[in-house]
Amino acid sequence: METNYHKTHKIAVISDTHGLIRDQARERLSGCEAILHGGDINRQAILDELAEIAPVYAVRGNNDKEWAEQLPETLSLELFGLRIFMVHNKKYLPGNLGDRELVIYGHSHKYEEKQVEGRTWLNPGSCGPRRFNQPITMAVVRVEENGGFSVEKVEIPHGDR
């Protein structure tokens, strides 16, 4: 008997947690197979907590000081066939992104998702402490076996811890 089971992989994308993993963010992270963190993590304990949920790929942000010296400033990786490039502040992107399909960055705490020259550019915003009355956000990227992917914006109520 043949089945048409189609596997979708879920990747959580977060940034600018600044030492806080909110309960509702943790719930969304728990259903994902990998976590991408766009920097400004604040302390090693945050990465350790995330690693208990799923494998973590992170870049160093401008607020990640001595404890984070081992973290790269940029990261190029492939997950489930999706080619990804990560940097904390997009002004430090290299001139040539090669075949990267998804570019992830943080720093501004503002959610942004756009298509530029065949690539998806994604800033998941901040799901850490609320800043400047901005929404608390993260993203979940769904990767299909056929190579396609989609991005879901996740908004977290600001009263949640």
Protein backbone atom coordinates (compact mmCIF):
# COMPACT_ATOMS: atom_id res chain seq x y z
CA MET A 1 0.00 0.00 0.00
CA GLU A 2 1.44 3.34 -1.05
CA THR A 3 1.09 6.39 1.15
CA ASN A 4 1.37 9.99 0.10
CA TYR A 5 2.79 11.13 3.42
CA HIS A 6 4.55 14.43 2.86
CA LYS A 7 6.99 15.57 5.53
CA THR A 8 7.17 19.27 6.38
CA HIS A 9 10.12 20.41 8.47
CA LYS A 10 9.70 23.32 10.88
CA ILE A 11 12.52 25.72 11.75
CA ALA A 12 12.04 28.36 14.46
CA VAL A 13 13.65 31.73 13.76
CA ILE A 14 14.22 34.07 16.70
CA SER A 15 16.43 37.04 17.47
CA ASP A 16 17.13 39.65 20.10
CA THR A 17 16.00 37.56 23.07
CA HIS A 18 18.26 39.62 25.38
CA GLY A 19 18.23 36.97 28.10
CA LEU A 20 14.50 36.10 28.02
CA ILE A 21 12.69 33.11 26.52
CA ARG A 22 8.97 33.74 26.98
CA ASP A 23 6.66 30.83 27.78
CA GLN A 24 4.61 31.25 24.59
CA ALA A 25 7.77 31.43 22.48
CA ARG A 26 9.02 28.27 24.19
CA GLU A 27 5.76 26.51 23.23
CA ARG A 28 6.22 27.42 19.55
CA LEU A 29 9.91 26.44 19.64
CA SER A 30 9.08 22.99 21.02
CA GLY A 31 7.36 21.93 17.81
CA CYS A 32 10.40 22.75 15.64
CA GLU A 33 13.30 20.57 14.47
CA ALA A 34 15.87 23.39 14.56
CA ILE A 35 16.20 26.87 16.07
CA LEU A 36 17.98 29.75 14.32
CA HIS A 37 18.95 32.66 16.56
CA GLY A 38 19.86 35.96 14.92
CA GLY A 39 21.94 37.30 17.81
CA ASP A 40 21.71 39.45 20.93
CA ILE A 41 21.21 36.33 22.99
CA ASN A 42 22.71 37.88 26.15
CA ARG A 43 23.97 34.78 27.98
CA GLN A 44 25.02 31.18 27.44
CA ALA A 45 22.10 29.87 29.55
CA ILE A 46 19.68 30.96 26.80
CA LEU A 47 21.51 28.85 24.20
CA ASP A 48 21.64 25.93 26.65
CA GLU A 49 17.89 26.15 27.25
CA LEU A 50 17.18 26.33 23.50
CA ALA A 51 19.46 23.34 22.85
CA GLU A 52 17.24 21.23 25.11
CA ILE A 53 14.39 21.88 22.65
CA ALA A 54 16.17 21.44 19.28
CA PRO A 55 19.57 21.93 17.62
CA VAL A 56 20.51 25.64 17.72
CA TYR A 57 22.37 27.67 15.10
CA ALA A 58 23.25 31.16 16.31
CA VAL A 59 25.24 34.23 15.33
CA ARG A 60 26.77 36.76 17.69
CA GLY A 61 24.97 40.06 18.12
CA ASN A 62 26.40 43.44 19.11
CA ASN A 63 25.30 42.88 22.74
CA ASP A 64 26.83 39.39 22.94
CA LYS A 65 30.14 40.14 24.62
CA GLU A 66 33.01 37.99 25.94
CA TRP A 67 30.90 34.92 26.72
CA ALA A 68 29.93 34.70 23.02
CA GLU A 69 33.37 35.03 21.40
CA GLN A 70 33.06 31.48 20.02
CA LEU A 71 29.86 32.37 18.13
CA PRO A 72 30.33 33.34 14.49
CA GLU A 73 29.34 36.79 13.25
CA THR A 74 27.90 35.20 10.09
CA LEU A 75 26.72 31.68 9.39
CA SER A 76 25.97 29.91 6.13
CA LEU A 77 24.15 26.61 6.46
CA GLU A 78 21.71 24.22 4.83
CA LEU A 79 18.79 22.67 6.70
CA PHE A 80 16.38 20.22 5.06
CA GLY A 81 17.63 21.40 1.65
CA LEU A 82 17.04 25.10 2.42
CA ARG A 83 20.15 27.27 1.94
CA ILE A 84 20.35 29.91 4.68
CA PHE A 85 22.62 32.84 5.54
CA MET A 86 22.54 34.50 8.97
CA VAL A 87 23.96 37.74 10.37
CA HIS A 88 22.84 39.91 13.29
CA ASN A 89 22.97 43.31 11.59
CA LYS A 90 22.19 43.21 7.86
CA LYS A 91 24.56 46.10 7.18
CA TYR A 92 27.35 43.52 7.69
CA LEU A 93 26.11 41.18 4.97
CA PRO A 94 28.75 40.16 2.44
CA GLY A 95 28.40 41.44 -1.12
CA ASN A 96 27.81 37.98 -2.56
CA LEU A 97 25.29 35.68 -0.90
CA GLY A 98 25.78 32.95 -3.50
CA ASP A 99 22.92 30.47 -3.68
CA ARG A 100 21.36 31.35 -0.31
CA GLU A 101 17.54 31.30 -0.47
CA LEU A 102 16.79 32.66 2.99
CA VAL A 103 18.66 35.54 4.64
CA ILE A 104 18.08 35.93 8.38
CA TYR A 105 19.05 38.95 10.43
CA GLY A 106 17.98 40.75 13.60
CA HIS A 107 19.16 43.86 15.45
CA SER A 108 16.23 46.23 14.78
CA HIS A 109 13.66 44.29 16.88
CA LYS A 110 11.21 44.89 14.00
CA TYR A 111 9.66 42.00 12.07
CA GLU A 112 10.40 42.18 8.36
CA GLU A 113 9.79 39.69 5.59
CA LYS A 114 10.43 40.56 1.97
CA GLN A 115 11.42 39.08 -1.37
CA VAL A 116 14.48 40.57 -3.04
CA GLU A 117 16.01 39.12 -6.21
CA GLY A 118 14.60 35.64 -5.63
CA ARG A 119 15.57 35.49 -1.94
CA THR A 120 13.49 35.74 1.20
CA TRP A 121 14.84 38.27 3.69
CA LEU A 122 13.61 37.68 7.24
CA ASN A 123 14.01 39.57 10.48
CA PRO A 124 11.94 37.67 13.06
CA GLY A 125 11.81 40.74 15.30
CA SER A 126 12.32 40.24 19.03
CA CYS A 127 10.67 37.67 21.27
CA GLY A 128 12.65 38.85 24.31
CA PRO A 129 11.95 41.91 26.47
CA ARG A 130 9.54 44.35 24.85
CA ARG A 131 11.20 47.49 23.52
CA PHE A 132 9.78 50.78 22.24
CA ASN A 133 6.19 49.46 22.33
CA GLN A 134 7.01 47.14 19.42
CA PRO A 135 5.22 43.81 18.94
CA ILE A 136 6.89 40.67 20.28
CA THR A 137 7.47 38.37 17.33
CA MET A 138 9.28 35.32 15.99
CA ALA A 139 8.89 33.21 12.86
CA VAL A 140 8.47 29.57 11.87
CA VAL A 141 9.80 28.48 8.48
CA ARG A 142 8.15 25.41 6.98
CA VAL A 143 10.32 23.53 4.51
CA GLU A 144 8.64 21.09 2.12
CA GLU A 145 10.36 18.00 0.77
CA ASN A 146 10.00 19.42 -2.75
CA GLY A 147 12.29 22.32 -1.76
CA GLY A 148 9.64 24.96 -1.31
CA PHE A 149 9.30 26.88 1.93
CA SER A 150 6.99 29.35 3.62
CA VAL A 151 7.34 31.73 6.56
CA GLU A 152 4.79 32.14 9.35
CA LYS A 153 4.95 35.27 11.48
CA VAL A 154 4.22 34.47 15.13
CA GLU A 155 3.02 37.31 17.37
CA ILE A 156 3.30 36.84 21.11
CA PRO A 157 1.03 38.77 23.50
CA HIS A 158 3.17 41.28 25.39
CA GLY A 159 1.74 40.26 28.78
CA ASP A 160 3.19 36.74 28.42
CA ARG A 161 6.37 35.85 30.29
